[in-house]
Amino acid sequence: MEKIPLQQKVSQDRVIFMQKYGDATLTYGFYSKDGKYLPSFASFEADNYKMYSQSKSHTKKLVREMIFSHFSESDKKGLDPKVDFRKNIWENVEVKSGGESNILLSEEEQEFVNQK
């Protein structure tokens, strides 16, 4: 990805910035269930990620990890509504808030969360 030129992006706040990913690694994990391989996670890591905004330069390491926890078989082809791969994932995927969470915490983590 080092050879890809700077890309202009617009944040959700409508701030224009430029970005370049640097050296990146994309990793997928799968598990086997009933003779099928199902995705369990997708990870994207980029070293030397650069962002230029308002005459400032930032160089960081970028890490994005998605863990897939729910699967159900479908008899339909594709998604409804369709996913537009030209957009960022947060513009395509509906985020449901206030629902139950399947995140398992250690006893210490749960005690910390309960302290409020």
PDB file of N, CA and C in Angstrom:
ATOM      1  N   MET A   1       0.815  -1.197   0.000  1.00  0.00           N
ATOM      2  CA  MET A   1       0.000   0.000   0.000  1.00  0.00           C
ATOM      3  C   MET A   1       0.857   1.258   0.000  1.00  0.00           C
ATOM      4  N   GLU A   2       2.156   1.052   0.136  1.00  0.00           N
ATOM      5  CA  GLU A   2       3.060   2.192   0.167  1.00  0.00           C
ATOM      6  C   GLU A   2       3.029   2.977  -1.141  1.00  0.00           C
ATOM      7  N   LYS A   3       2.732   2.301  -2.259  1.00  0.00           N
ATOM      8  CA  LYS A   3       2.736   2.955  -3.568  1.00  0.00           C
ATOM      9  C   LYS A   3       1.429   3.680  -3.881  1.00  0.00           C
ATOM     10  N   ILE A   4       0.402   3.466  -3.075  1.00  0.00           N
ATOM     11  CA  ILE A   4      -0.879   4.145  -3.298  1.00  0.00           C
ATOM     12  C   ILE A   4      -0.717   5.618  -2.912  1.00  0.00           C
ATOM     13  N   PRO A   5      -1.148   6.537  -3.773  1.00  0.00           N
ATOM     14  CA  PRO A   5      -0.973   7.964  -3.465  1.00  0.00           C
ATOM     15  C   PRO A   5      -1.874   8.415  -2.312  1.00  0.00           C
ATOM     16  N   LEU A   6      -1.619   9.611  -1.815  1.00  0.00           N
ATOM     17  CA  LEU A   6      -2.467  10.198  -0.778  1.00  0.00           C
ATOM     18  C   LEU A   6      -3.920  10.216  -1.238  1.00  0.00           C
ATOM     19  N   GLN A   7      -4.819   9.960  -0.307  1.00  0.00           N
ATOM     20  CA  GLN A   7      -6.253   9.982  -0.617  1.00  0.00           C
ATOM     21  C   GLN A   7      -6.925  11.077   0.192  1.00  0.00           C
ATOM     22  N   GLN A   8      -7.795  11.816  -0.461  1.00  0.00           N
ATOM     23  CA  GLN A   8      -8.547  12.855   0.238  1.00  0.00           C
ATOM     24  C   GLN A   8      -9.797  12.247   0.827  1.00  0.00           C
ATOM     25  N   LYS A   9     -10.070  12.534   2.091  1.00  0.00           N
ATOM     26  CA  LYS A   9     -11.244  12.025   2.798  1.00  0.00           C
ATOM     27  C   LYS A   9     -11.962  13.183   3.457  1.00  0.00           C
ATOM     28  N   VAL A  10     -13.200  12.943   3.832  1.00  0.00           N
ATOM     29  CA  VAL A  10     -13.988  13.923   4.572  1.00  0.00           C
ATOM     30  C   VAL A  10     -14.515  13.229   5.822  1.00  0.00           C
ATOM     31  N   SER A  11     -14.222  13.817   6.990  1.00  0.00           N
ATOM     32  CA  SER A  11     -14.674  13.221   8.243  1.00  0.00           C
ATOM     33  C   SER A  11     -16.176  13.445   8.413  1.00  0.00           C
ATOM     34  N   GLN A  12     -16.739  12.806   9.440  1.00  0.00           N
ATOM     35  CA  GLN A  12     -18.165  12.998   9.709  1.00  0.00           C
ATOM     36  C   GLN A  12     -18.468  14.438  10.097  1.00  0.00           C
ATOM     37  N   ASP A  13     -17.444  15.173  10.579  1.00  0.00           N
ATOM     38  CA  ASP A  13     -17.610  16.596  10.930  1.00  0.00           C
ATOM     39  C   ASP A  13     -17.427  17.499   9.727  1.00  0.00           C
ATOM     40  N   ARG A  14     -17.268  16.901   8.548  1.00  0.00           N
ATOM     41  CA  ARG A  14     -17.060  17.618   7.288  1.00  0.00           C
ATOM     42  C   ARG A  14     -15.693  18.294   7.217  1.00  0.00           C
ATOM     43  N   VAL A  15     -14.700  17.753   7.923  1.00  0.00           N
ATOM     44  CA  VAL A  15     -13.329  18.252   7.850  1.00  0.00           C
ATOM     45  C   VAL A  15     -12.605  17.452   6.775  1.00  0.00           C
ATOM     46  N   ILE A  16     -11.962  18.147   5.851  1.00  0.00           N
ATOM     47  CA  ILE A  16     -11.229  17.490   4.774  1.00  0.00           C
ATOM     48  C   ILE A  16      -9.821  17.175   5.269  1.00  0.00           C
ATOM     49  N   PHE A  17      -9.364  15.945   5.026  1.00  0.00           N
ATOM     50  CA  PHE A  17      -8.015  15.544   5.392  1.00  0.00           C
ATOM     51  C   PHE A  17      -7.479  14.579   4.349  1.00  0.00           C
ATOM     52  N   MET A  18      -6.166  14.384   4.368  1.00  0.00           N
ATOM     53  CA  MET A  18      -5.498  13.465   3.452  1.00  0.00           C
ATOM     54  C   MET A  18      -4.936  12.315   4.271  1.00  0.00           C
ATOM     55  N   GLN A  19      -4.929  11.112   3.675  1.00  0.00           N
ATOM     56  CA  GLN A  19      -4.380   9.965   4.397  1.00  0.00           C
ATOM     57  C   GLN A  19      -3.590   9.057   3.467  1.00  0.00           C
ATOM     58  N   LYS A  20      -2.658   8.335   4.070  1.00  0.00           N
ATOM     59  CA  LYS A  20      -1.859   7.336   3.369  1.00  0.00           C
ATOM     60  C   LYS A  20      -1.609   6.215   4.363  1.00  0.00           C
ATOM     61  N   TYR A  21      -1.902   4.964   3.954  1.00  0.00           N
ATOM     62  CA  TYR A  21      -1.865   3.844   4.888  1.00  0.00           C
ATOM     63  C   TYR A  21      -0.472   3.326   5.211  1.00  0.00           C
ATOM     64  N   GLY A  22       0.502   3.432   4.354  1.00  0.00           N
ATOM     65  CA  GLY A  22       1.814   2.857   4.634  1.00  0.00           C
ATOM     66  C   GLY A  22       1.798   1.353   4.412  1.00  0.00           C
ATOM     67  N   ASP A  23       2.611   0.616   5.182  1.00  0.00           N
ATOM     68  CA  ASP A  23       2.662  -0.838   5.067  1.00  0.00           C
ATOM     69  C   ASP A  23       1.508  -1.439   5.851  1.00  0.00           C
ATOM     70  N   ALA A  24       0.685  -2.266   5.192  1.00  0.00           N
ATOM     71  CA  ALA A  24      -0.518  -2.788   5.841  1.00  0.00           C
ATOM     72  C   ALA A  24      -0.599  -4.305   5.740  1.00  0.00           C
ATOM     73  N   THR A  25      -1.284  -4.895   6.731  1.00  0.00           N
ATOM     74  CA  THR A  25      -1.538  -6.324   6.758  1.00  0.00           C
ATOM     75  C   THR A  25      -3.021  -6.546   7.033  1.00  0.00           C
ATOM     76  N   LEU A  26      -3.654  -7.336   6.192  1.00  0.00           N
ATOM     77  CA  LEU A  26      -5.062  -7.686   6.353  1.00  0.00           C
ATOM     78  C   LEU A  26      -5.124  -9.167   6.700  1.00  0.00           C
ATOM     79  N   THR A  27      -5.762  -9.504   7.824  1.00  0.00           N
ATOM     80  CA  THR A  27      -5.815 -10.878   8.308  1.00  0.00           C
ATOM     81  C   THR A  27      -7.256 -11.285   8.551  1.00  0.00           C
ATOM     82  N   TYR A  28      -7.606 -12.496   8.121  1.00  0.00           N
ATOM     83  CA  TYR A  28      -8.929 -13.058   8.372  1.00  0.00           C
ATOM     84  C   TYR A  28      -8.778 -14.326   9.201  1.00  0.00           C
ATOM     85  N   GLY A  29      -9.723 -14.571  10.078  1.00  0.00           N
ATOM     86  CA  GLY A  29      -9.748 -15.809  10.852  1.00  0.00           C
ATOM     87  C   GLY A  29     -11.062 -16.524  10.608  1.00  0.00           C
ATOM     88  N   PHE A  30     -11.022 -17.848  10.542  1.00  0.00           N
ATOM     89  CA  PHE A  30     -12.214 -18.646  10.288  1.00  0.00           C
ATOM     90  C   PHE A  30     -12.288 -19.798  11.279  1.00  0.00           C
ATOM     91  N   TYR A  31     -13.489 -20.333  11.471  1.00  0.00           N
ATOM     92  CA  TYR A  31     -13.636 -21.565  12.219  1.00  0.00           C
ATOM     93  C   TYR A  31     -14.554 -22.493  11.430  1.00  0.00           C
ATOM     94  N   SER A  32     -14.431 -23.770  11.700  1.00  0.00           N
ATOM     95  CA  SER A  32     -15.197 -24.769  10.968  1.00  0.00           C
ATOM     96  C   SER A  32     -16.415 -25.184  11.782  1.00  0.00           C
ATOM     97  N   LYS A  33     -17.582 -25.180  11.134  1.00  0.00           N
ATOM     98  CA  LYS A  33     -18.820 -25.602  11.791  1.00  0.00           C
ATOM     99  C   LYS A  33     -19.675 -26.313  10.752  1.00  0.00           C
ATOM    100  N   ASP A  34     -20.064 -27.542  11.044  1.00  0.00           N
ATOM    101  CA  ASP A  34     -20.917 -28.342  10.160  1.00  0.00           C
ATOM    102  C   ASP A  34     -20.340 -28.433   8.747  1.00  0.00           C
ATOM    103  N   GLY A  35     -19.030 -28.575   8.650  1.00  0.00           N
ATOM    104  CA  GLY A  35     -18.389 -28.728   7.352  1.00  0.00           C
ATOM    105  C   GLY A  35     -18.236 -27.447   6.561  1.00  0.00           C
ATOM    106  N   LYS A  36     -18.528 -26.291   7.170  1.00  0.00           N
ATOM    107  CA  LYS A  36     -18.391 -24.999   6.502  1.00  0.00           C
ATOM    108  C   LYS A  36     -17.412 -24.145   7.294  1.00  0.00           C
ATOM    109  N   TYR A  37     -16.723 -23.270   6.585  1.00  0.00           N
ATOM    110  CA  TYR A  37     -15.841 -22.323   7.251  1.00  0.00           C
ATOM    111  C   TYR A  37     -16.573 -20.993   7.391  1.00  0.00           C
ATOM    112  N   LEU A  38     -16.658 -20.521   8.633  1.00  0.00           N
ATOM    113  CA  LEU A  38     -17.322 -19.259   8.927  1.00  0.00           C
ATOM    114  C   LEU A  38     -16.294 -18.253   9.423  1.00  0.00           C
ATOM    115  N   PRO A  39     -16.425 -16.986   9.014  1.00  0.00           N
ATOM    116  CA  PRO A  39     -15.448 -15.982   9.465  1.00  0.00           C
ATOM    117  C   PRO A  39     -15.621 -15.695  10.953  1.00  0.00           C
ATOM    118  N   SER A  40     -14.511 -15.553  11.659  1.00  0.00           N
ATOM    119  CA  SER A  40     -14.580 -15.213  13.077  1.00  0.00           C
ATOM    120  C   SER A  40     -14.064 -13.799  13.347  1.00  0.00           C
ATOM    121  N   PHE A  41     -13.108 -13.342  12.546  1.00  0.00           N
ATOM    122  CA  PHE A  41     -12.635 -11.964  12.713  1.00  0.00           C
ATOM    123  C   PHE A  41     -11.931 -11.481  11.447  1.00  0.00           C
ATOM    124  N   ALA A  42     -11.805 -10.171  11.355  1.00  0.00           N
ATOM    125  CA  ALA A  42     -11.030  -9.528  10.299  1.00  0.00           C
ATOM    126  C   ALA A  42     -10.199  -8.442  10.973  1.00  0.00           C
ATOM    127  N   SER A  43      -8.919  -8.423  10.659  1.00  0.00           N
ATOM    128  CA  SER A  43      -8.019  -7.463  11.281  1.00  0.00           C
ATOM    129  C   SER A  43      -7.255  -6.709  10.191  1.00  0.00           C
ATOM    130  N   PHE A  44      -7.101  -5.401  10.382  1.00  0.00           N
ATOM    131  CA  PHE A  44      -6.351  -4.550   9.455  1.00  0.00           C
ATOM    132  C   PHE A  44      -5.347  -3.758  10.283  1.00  0.00           C
ATOM    133  N   GLU A  45      -4.064  -3.924   9.996  1.00  0.00           N
ATOM    134  CA  GLU A  45      -3.018  -3.188  10.707  1.00  0.00           C
ATOM    135  C   GLU A  45      -2.141  -2.470   9.695  1.00  0.00           C
ATOM    136  N   ALA A  46      -1.841  -1.212   9.967  1.00  0.00           N
ATOM    137  CA  ALA A  46      -0.995  -0.426   9.073  1.00  0.00           C
ATOM    138  C   ALA A  46       0.066   0.293   9.902  1.00  0.00           C
ATOM    139  N   ASP A  47       1.329   0.048   9.553  1.00  0.00           N
ATOM    140  CA  ASP A  47       2.438   0.800  10.160  1.00  0.00           C
ATOM    141  C   ASP A  47       2.698   2.015   9.289  1.00  0.00           C
ATOM    142  N   ASN A  48       3.130   3.079   9.919  1.00  0.00           N
ATOM    143  CA  ASN A  48       3.473   4.296   9.192  1.00  0.00           C
ATOM    144  C   ASN A  48       2.254   4.932   8.515  1.00  0.00           C
ATOM    145  N   TYR A  49       1.092   4.835   9.161  1.00  0.00           N
ATOM    146  CA  TYR A  49      -0.124   5.487   8.674  1.00  0.00           C
ATOM    147  C   TYR A  49       0.048   6.998   8.840  1.00  0.00           C
ATOM    148  N   LYS A  50      -0.199   7.747   7.781  1.00  0.00           N
ATOM    149  CA  LYS A  50      -0.003   9.199   7.822  1.00  0.00           C
ATOM    150  C   LYS A  50      -1.312   9.911   7.516  1.00  0.00           C
ATOM    151  N   MET A  51      -1.558  10.966   8.283  1.00  0.00           N
ATOM    152  CA  MET A  51      -2.745  11.786   8.059  1.00  0.00           C
ATOM    153  C   MET A  51      -2.320  13.243   8.121  1.00  0.00           C
ATOM    154  N   TYR A  52      -2.804  14.008   7.149  1.00  0.00           N
ATOM    155  CA  TYR A  52      -2.497  15.431   7.051  1.00  0.00           C
ATOM    156  C   TYR A  52      -3.806  16.195   7.143  1.00  0.00           C
ATOM    157  N   SER A  53      -3.873  17.103   8.126  1.00  0.00           N
ATOM    158  CA  SER A  53      -5.092  17.874   8.327  1.00  0.00           C
ATOM    159  C   SER A  53      -4.735  19.253   8.839  1.00  0.00           C
ATOM    160  N   GLN A  54      -5.283  20.253   8.220  1.00  0.00           N
ATOM    161  CA  GLN A  54      -5.104  21.643   8.649  1.00  0.00           C
ATOM    162  C   GLN A  54      -3.625  21.964   8.914  1.00  0.00           C
ATOM    163  N   SER A  55      -2.785  21.676   7.949  1.00  0.00           N
ATOM    164  CA  SER A  55      -1.340  21.925   7.962  1.00  0.00           C
ATOM    165  C   SER A  55      -0.612  21.183   9.086  1.00  0.00           C
ATOM    166  N   LYS A  56      -1.201  20.120   9.624  1.00  0.00           N
ATOM    167  CA  LYS A  56      -0.544  19.282  10.620  1.00  0.00           C
ATOM    168  C   LYS A  56      -0.354  17.898  10.035  1.00  0.00           C
ATOM    169  N   SER A  57       0.723  17.240  10.466  1.00  0.00           N
ATOM    170  CA  SER A  57       1.032  15.895   9.997  1.00  0.00           C
ATOM    171  C   SER A  57       1.048  14.948  11.192  1.00  0.00           C
ATOM    172  N   HIS A  58       0.438  13.786  11.043  1.00  0.00           N
ATOM    173  CA  HIS A  58       0.397  12.781  12.099  1.00  0.00           C
ATOM    174  C   HIS A  58       0.839  11.443  11.505  1.00  0.00           C
ATOM    175  N   THR A  59       1.746  10.755  12.175  1.00  0.00           N
ATOM    176  CA  THR A  59       2.173   9.418  11.766  1.00  0.00           C
ATOM    177  C   THR A  59       1.870   8.470  12.914  1.00  0.00           C
ATOM    178  N   LYS A  60       1.093   7.435  12.633  1.00  0.00           N
ATOM    179  CA  LYS A  60       0.624   6.517  13.674  1.00  0.00           C
ATOM    180  C   LYS A  60       0.651   5.088  13.174  1.00  0.00           C
ATOM    181  N   LYS A  61       0.292   4.179  14.062  1.00  0.00           N
ATOM    182  CA  LYS A  61       0.021   2.795  13.700  1.00  0.00           C
ATOM    183  C   LYS A  61      -1.498   2.644  13.761  1.00  0.00           C
ATOM    184  N   LEU A  62      -2.072   2.107  12.715  1.00  0.00           N
ATOM    185  CA  LEU A  62      -3.524   1.957  12.618  1.00  0.00           C
ATOM    186  C   LEU A  62      -3.877   0.494  12.837  1.00  0.00           C
ATOM    187  N   VAL A  63      -4.834   0.227  13.721  1.00  0.00           N
ATOM    188  CA  VAL A  63      -5.304  -1.132  13.966  1.00  0.00           C
ATOM    189  C   VAL A  63      -6.821  -1.100  13.994  1.00  0.00           C
ATOM    190  N   ARG A  64      -7.423  -1.960  13.176  1.00  0.00           N
ATOM    191  CA  ARG A  64      -8.887  -2.094  13.170  1.00  0.00           C
ATOM    192  C   ARG A  64      -9.185  -3.583  13.210  1.00  0.00           C
ATOM    193  N   GLU A  65     -10.011  -3.991  14.150  1.00  0.00           N
ATOM    194  CA  GLU A  65     -10.345  -5.401  14.277  1.00  0.00           C
ATOM    195  C   GLU A  65     -11.858  -5.544  14.417  1.00  0.00           C
ATOM    196  N   MET A  66     -12.412  -6.442  13.637  1.00  0.00           N
ATOM    197  CA  MET A  66     -13.839  -6.738  13.727  1.00  0.00           C
ATOM    198  C   MET A  66     -13.991  -8.196  14.113  1.00  0.00           C
ATOM    199  N   ILE A  67     -14.804  -8.447  15.126  1.00  0.00           N
ATOM    200  CA  ILE A  67     -15.075  -9.812  15.583  1.00  0.00           C
ATOM    201  C   ILE A  67     -16.524 -10.127  15.228  1.00  0.00           C
ATOM    202  N   PHE A  68     -16.715 -11.222  14.497  1.00  0.00           N
ATOM    203  CA  PHE A  68     -18.050 -11.630  14.071  1.00  0.00           C
ATOM    204  C   PHE A  68     -18.592 -12.643  15.071  1.00  0.00           C
ATOM    205  N   SER A  69     -19.757 -12.363  15.641  1.00  0.00           N
ATOM    206  CA  SER A  69     -20.266 -13.248  16.684  1.00  0.00           C
ATOM    207  C   SER A  69     -21.599 -13.911  16.356  1.00  0.00           C
ATOM    208  N   HIS A  70     -22.349 -13.382  15.404  1.00  0.00           N
ATOM    209  CA  HIS A  70     -23.669 -13.946  15.094  1.00  0.00           C
ATOM    210  C   HIS A  70     -23.769 -14.300  13.626  1.00  0.00           C
ATOM    211  N   PHE A  71     -24.232 -15.499  13.355  1.00  0.00           N
ATOM    212  CA  PHE A  71     -24.441 -15.937  11.984  1.00  0.00           C
ATOM    213  C   PHE A  71     -25.773 -16.650  11.893  1.00  0.00           C
ATOM    214  N   SER A  72     -26.468 -16.416  10.812  1.00  0.00           N
ATOM    215  CA  SER A  72     -27.686 -17.176  10.544  1.00  0.00           C
ATOM    216  C   SER A  72     -27.747 -17.406   9.041  1.00  0.00           C
ATOM    217  N   GLU A  73     -28.237 -18.569   8.670  1.00  0.00           N
ATOM    218  CA  GLU A  73     -28.320 -18.903   7.256  1.00  0.00           C
ATOM    219  C   GLU A  73     -29.410 -18.077   6.596  1.00  0.00           C
ATOM    220  N   SER A  74     -29.213 -17.808   5.344  1.00  0.00           N
ATOM    221  CA  SER A  74     -30.156 -16.995   4.587  1.00  0.00           C
ATOM    222  C   SER A  74     -30.588 -17.756   3.352  1.00  0.00           C
ATOM    223  N   ASP A  75     -31.830 -17.522   2.961  1.00  0.00           N
ATOM    224  CA  ASP A  75     -32.298 -18.113   1.708  1.00  0.00           C
ATOM    225  C   ASP A  75     -32.335 -17.058   0.610  1.00  0.00           C
ATOM    226  N   LYS A  76     -31.870 -15.845   0.950  1.00  0.00           N
ATOM    227  CA  LYS A  76     -31.857 -14.758  -0.030  1.00  0.00           C
ATOM    228  C   LYS A  76     -30.447 -14.548  -0.539  1.00  0.00           C
ATOM    229  N   LYS A  77     -30.318 -14.009  -1.717  1.00  0.00           N
ATOM    230  CA  LYS A  77     -29.020 -13.641  -2.286  1.00  0.00           C
ATOM    231  C   LYS A  77     -28.745 -12.185  -1.937  1.00  0.00           C
ATOM    232  N   GLY A  78     -27.617 -11.944  -1.303  1.00  0.00           N
ATOM    233  CA  GLY A  78     -27.213 -10.569  -1.025  1.00  0.00           C
ATOM    234  C   GLY A  78     -27.842  -9.992   0.221  1.00  0.00           C
ATOM    235  N   LEU A  79     -27.573  -8.722   0.450  1.00  0.00           N
ATOM    236  CA  LEU A  79     -28.064  -8.015   1.623  1.00  0.00           C
ATOM    237  C   LEU A  79     -29.139  -7.020   1.225  1.00  0.00           C
ATOM    238  N   ASP A  80     -30.030  -6.769   2.147  1.00  0.00           N
ATOM    239  CA  ASP A  80     -31.060  -5.767   1.936  1.00  0.00           C
ATOM    240  C   ASP A  80     -31.065  -4.853   3.152  1.00  0.00           C
ATOM    241  N   PRO A  81     -30.672  -3.604   3.057  1.00  0.00           N
ATOM    242  CA  PRO A  81     -30.259  -2.890   1.854  1.00  0.00           C
ATOM    243  C   PRO A  81     -28.856  -3.307   1.406  1.00  0.00           C
ATOM    244  N   LYS A  82     -28.556  -3.063   0.153  1.00  0.00           N
ATOM    245  CA  LYS A  82     -27.271  -3.406  -0.426  1.00  0.00           C
ATOM    246  C   LYS A  82     -26.158  -2.585   0.235  1.00  0.00           C
ATOM    247  N   VAL A  83     -24.974  -3.155   0.316  1.00  0.00           N
ATOM    248  CA  VAL A  83     -23.812  -2.467   0.865  1.00  0.00           C
ATOM    249  C   VAL A  83     -23.074  -1.783  -0.274  1.00  0.00           C
ATOM    250  N   ASP A  84     -22.752  -0.518  -0.072  1.00  0.00           N
ATOM    251  CA  ASP A  84     -22.003   0.251  -1.060  1.00  0.00           C
ATOM    252  C   ASP A  84     -20.534   0.253  -0.640  1.00  0.00           C
ATOM    253  N   PHE A  85     -19.696  -0.514  -1.347  1.00  0.00           N
ATOM    254  CA  PHE A  85     -18.299  -0.653  -0.974  1.00  0.00           C
ATOM    255  C   PHE A  85     -17.478   0.598  -1.260  1.00  0.00           C
ATOM    256  N   ARG A  86     -18.065   1.604  -1.875  1.00  0.00           N
ATOM    257  CA  ARG A  86     -17.358   2.871  -2.081  1.00  0.00           C
ATOM    258  C   ARG A  86     -17.414   3.740  -0.835  1.00  0.00           C
ATOM    259  N   LYS A  87     -18.246   3.367   0.146  1.00  0.00           N
ATOM    260  CA  LYS A  87     -18.397   4.128   1.383  1.00  0.00           C
ATOM    261  C   LYS A  87     -17.663   3.425   2.517  1.00  0.00           C
ATOM    262  N   ASN A  88     -17.380   4.175   3.572  1.00  0.00           N
ATOM    263  CA  ASN A  88     -16.784   3.593   4.763  1.00  0.00           C
ATOM    264  C   ASN A  88     -17.797   2.680   5.443  1.00  0.00           C
ATOM    265  N   ILE A  89     -17.299   1.710   6.203  1.00  0.00           N
ATOM    266  CA  ILE A  89     -18.185   0.714   6.804  1.00  0.00           C
ATOM    267  C   ILE A  89     -19.214   1.353   7.730  1.00  0.00           C
ATOM    268  N   TRP A  90     -18.850   2.408   8.471  1.00  0.00           N
ATOM    269  CA  TRP A  90     -19.789   3.016   9.402  1.00  0.00           C
ATOM    270  C   TRP A  90     -20.907   3.781   8.695  1.00  0.00           C
ATOM    271  N   GLU A  91     -20.756   4.022   7.396  1.00  0.00           N
ATOM    272  CA  GLU A  91     -21.831   4.647   6.640  1.00  0.00           C
ATOM    273  C   GLU A  91     -22.778   3.602   6.051  1.00  0.00           C
ATOM    274  N   ASN A  92     -22.374   2.331   6.042  1.00  0.00           N
ATOM    275  CA  ASN A  92     -23.149   1.251   5.454  1.00  0.00           C
ATOM    276  C   ASN A  92     -23.891   0.400   6.466  1.00  0.00           C
ATOM    277  N   VAL A  93     -23.304   0.218   7.629  1.00  0.00           N
ATOM    278  CA  VAL A  93     -23.826  -0.740   8.592  1.00  0.00           C
ATOM    279  C   VAL A  93     -24.601  -0.015   9.678  1.00  0.00           C
ATOM    280  N   GLU A  94     -25.805  -0.469   9.909  1.00  0.00           N
ATOM    281  CA  GLU A  94     -26.625   0.107  10.974  1.00  0.00           C
ATOM    282  C   GLU A  94     -26.085  -0.372  12.312  1.00  0.00           C
ATOM    283  N   VAL A  95     -25.872   0.573  13.224  1.00  0.00           N
ATOM    284  CA  VAL A  95     -25.388   0.225  14.557  1.00  0.00           C
ATOM    285  C   VAL A  95     -26.588   0.234  15.483  1.00  0.00           C
ATOM    286  N   LYS A  96     -26.847  -0.915  16.078  1.00  0.00           N
ATOM    287  CA  LYS A  96     -27.969  -1.026  17.005  1.00  0.00           C
ATOM    288  C   LYS A  96     -27.441  -0.783  18.407  1.00  0.00           C
ATOM    289  N   SER A  97     -27.980   0.222  19.065  1.00  0.00           N
ATOM    290  CA  SER A  97     -27.533   0.506  20.424  1.00  0.00           C
ATOM    291  C   SER A  97     -28.632   0.128  21.415  1.00  0.00           C
ATOM    292  N   GLY A  98     -28.230  -0.089  22.629  1.00  0.00           N
ATOM    293  CA  GLY A  98     -29.206  -0.409  23.665  1.00  0.00           C
ATOM    294  C   GLY A  98     -29.593  -1.875  23.706  1.00  0.00           C
ATOM    295  N   GLY A  99     -29.034  -2.689  22.843  1.00  0.00           N
ATOM    296  CA  GLY A  99     -29.363  -4.109  22.835  1.00  0.00           C
ATOM    297  C   GLY A  99     -28.482  -4.874  23.786  1.00  0.00           C
ATOM    298  N   GLU A 100     -28.740  -6.150  23.877  1.00  0.00           N
ATOM    299  CA  GLU A 100     -27.928  -7.002  24.723  1.00  0.00           C
ATOM    300  C   GLU A 100     -26.541  -7.167  24.112  1.00  0.00           C
ATOM    301  N   SER A 101     -25.565  -7.316  24.972  1.00  0.00           N
ATOM    302  CA  SER A 101     -24.203  -7.504  24.520  1.00  0.00           C
ATOM    303  C   SER A 101     -23.751  -8.924  24.826  1.00  0.00           C
ATOM    304  N   ASN A 102     -23.017  -9.515  23.909  1.00  0.00           N
ATOM    305  CA  ASN A 102     -22.476 -10.847  24.118  1.00  0.00           C
ATOM    306  C   ASN A 102     -20.998 -10.807  24.468  1.00  0.00           C
ATOM    307  N   ILE A 103     -20.522  -9.662  24.934  1.00  0.00           N
ATOM    308  CA  ILE A 103     -19.118  -9.537  25.290  1.00  0.00           C
ATOM    309  C   ILE A 103     -18.927 -10.128  26.678  1.00  0.00           C
ATOM    310  N   LEU A 104     -18.025 -11.068  26.777  1.00  0.00           N
ATOM    311  CA  LEU A 104     -17.746 -11.705  28.056  1.00  0.00           C
ATOM    312  C   LEU A 104     -16.618 -10.970  28.750  1.00  0.00           C
ATOM    313  N   LEU A 105     -16.840 -10.589  30.003  1.00  0.00           N
ATOM    314  CA  LEU A 105     -15.836  -9.874  30.778  1.00  0.00           C
ATOM    315  C   LEU A 105     -15.306 -10.774  31.882  1.00  0.00           C
ATOM    316  N   SER A 106     -14.083 -10.504  32.286  1.00  0.00           N
ATOM    317  CA  SER A 106     -13.559 -11.208  33.455  1.00  0.00           C
ATOM    318  C   SER A 106     -14.275 -10.668  34.690  1.00  0.00           C
ATOM    319  N   GLU A 107     -14.128 -11.361  35.811  1.00  0.00           N
ATOM    320  CA  GLU A 107     -14.779 -10.894  37.041  1.00  0.00           C
ATOM    321  C   GLU A 107     -14.301  -9.495  37.411  1.00  0.00           C
ATOM    322  N   GLU A 108     -12.993  -9.250  37.261  1.00  0.00           N
ATOM    323  CA  GLU A 108     -12.439  -7.939  37.603  1.00  0.00           C
ATOM    324  C   GLU A 108     -13.000  -6.855  36.687  1.00  0.00           C
ATOM    325  N   GLU A 109     -13.112  -7.159  35.398  1.00  0.00           N
ATOM    326  CA  GLU A 109     -13.665  -6.176  34.458  1.00  0.00           C
ATOM    327  C   GLU A 109     -15.125  -5.888  34.771  1.00  0.00           C
ATOM    328  N   GLN A 110     -15.902  -6.936  35.075  1.00  0.00           N
ATOM    329  CA  GLN A 110     -17.321  -6.743  35.384  1.00  0.00           C
ATOM    330  C   GLN A 110     -17.485  -5.929  36.650  1.00  0.00           C
ATOM    331  N   GLU A 111     -16.651  -6.180  37.698  1.00  0.00           N
ATOM    332  CA  GLU A 111     -16.699  -5.387  38.924  1.00  0.00           C
ATOM    333  C   GLU A 111     -16.409  -3.927  38.633  1.00  0.00           C
ATOM    334  N   PHE A 112     -15.411  -3.655  37.778  1.00  0.00           N
ATOM    335  CA  PHE A 112     -15.076  -2.282  37.405  1.00  0.00           C
ATOM    336  C   PHE A 112     -16.257  -1.601  36.720  1.00  0.00           C
ATOM    337  N   VAL A 113     -16.902  -2.304  35.777  1.00  0.00           N
ATOM    338  CA  VAL A 113     -18.052  -1.742  35.055  1.00  0.00           C
ATOM    339  C   VAL A 113     -19.206  -1.480  36.017  1.00  0.00           C
ATOM    340  N   ASN A 114     -19.422  -2.355  36.971  1.00  0.00           N
ATOM    341  CA  ASN A 114     -20.535  -2.216  37.933  1.00  0.00           C
ATOM    342  C   ASN A 114     -20.321  -1.083  38.914  1.00  0.00           C
ATOM    343  N   GLN A 115     -19.081  -0.623  39.106  1.00  0.00           N
ATOM    344  CA  GLN A 115     -18.795   0.439  40.073  1.00  0.00           C
ATOM    345  C   GLN A 115     -19.392   1.768  39.658  1.00  0.00           C
ATOM    346  N   LYS A 116     -19.457   2.039  38.392  1.00  0.00           N
ATOM    347  CA  LYS A 116     -19.963   3.302  37.814  1.00  0.00           C
ATOM    348  C   LYS A 116     -19.372   4.458  38.528  1.00  0.00           C
TER     349      LYS A 116
END
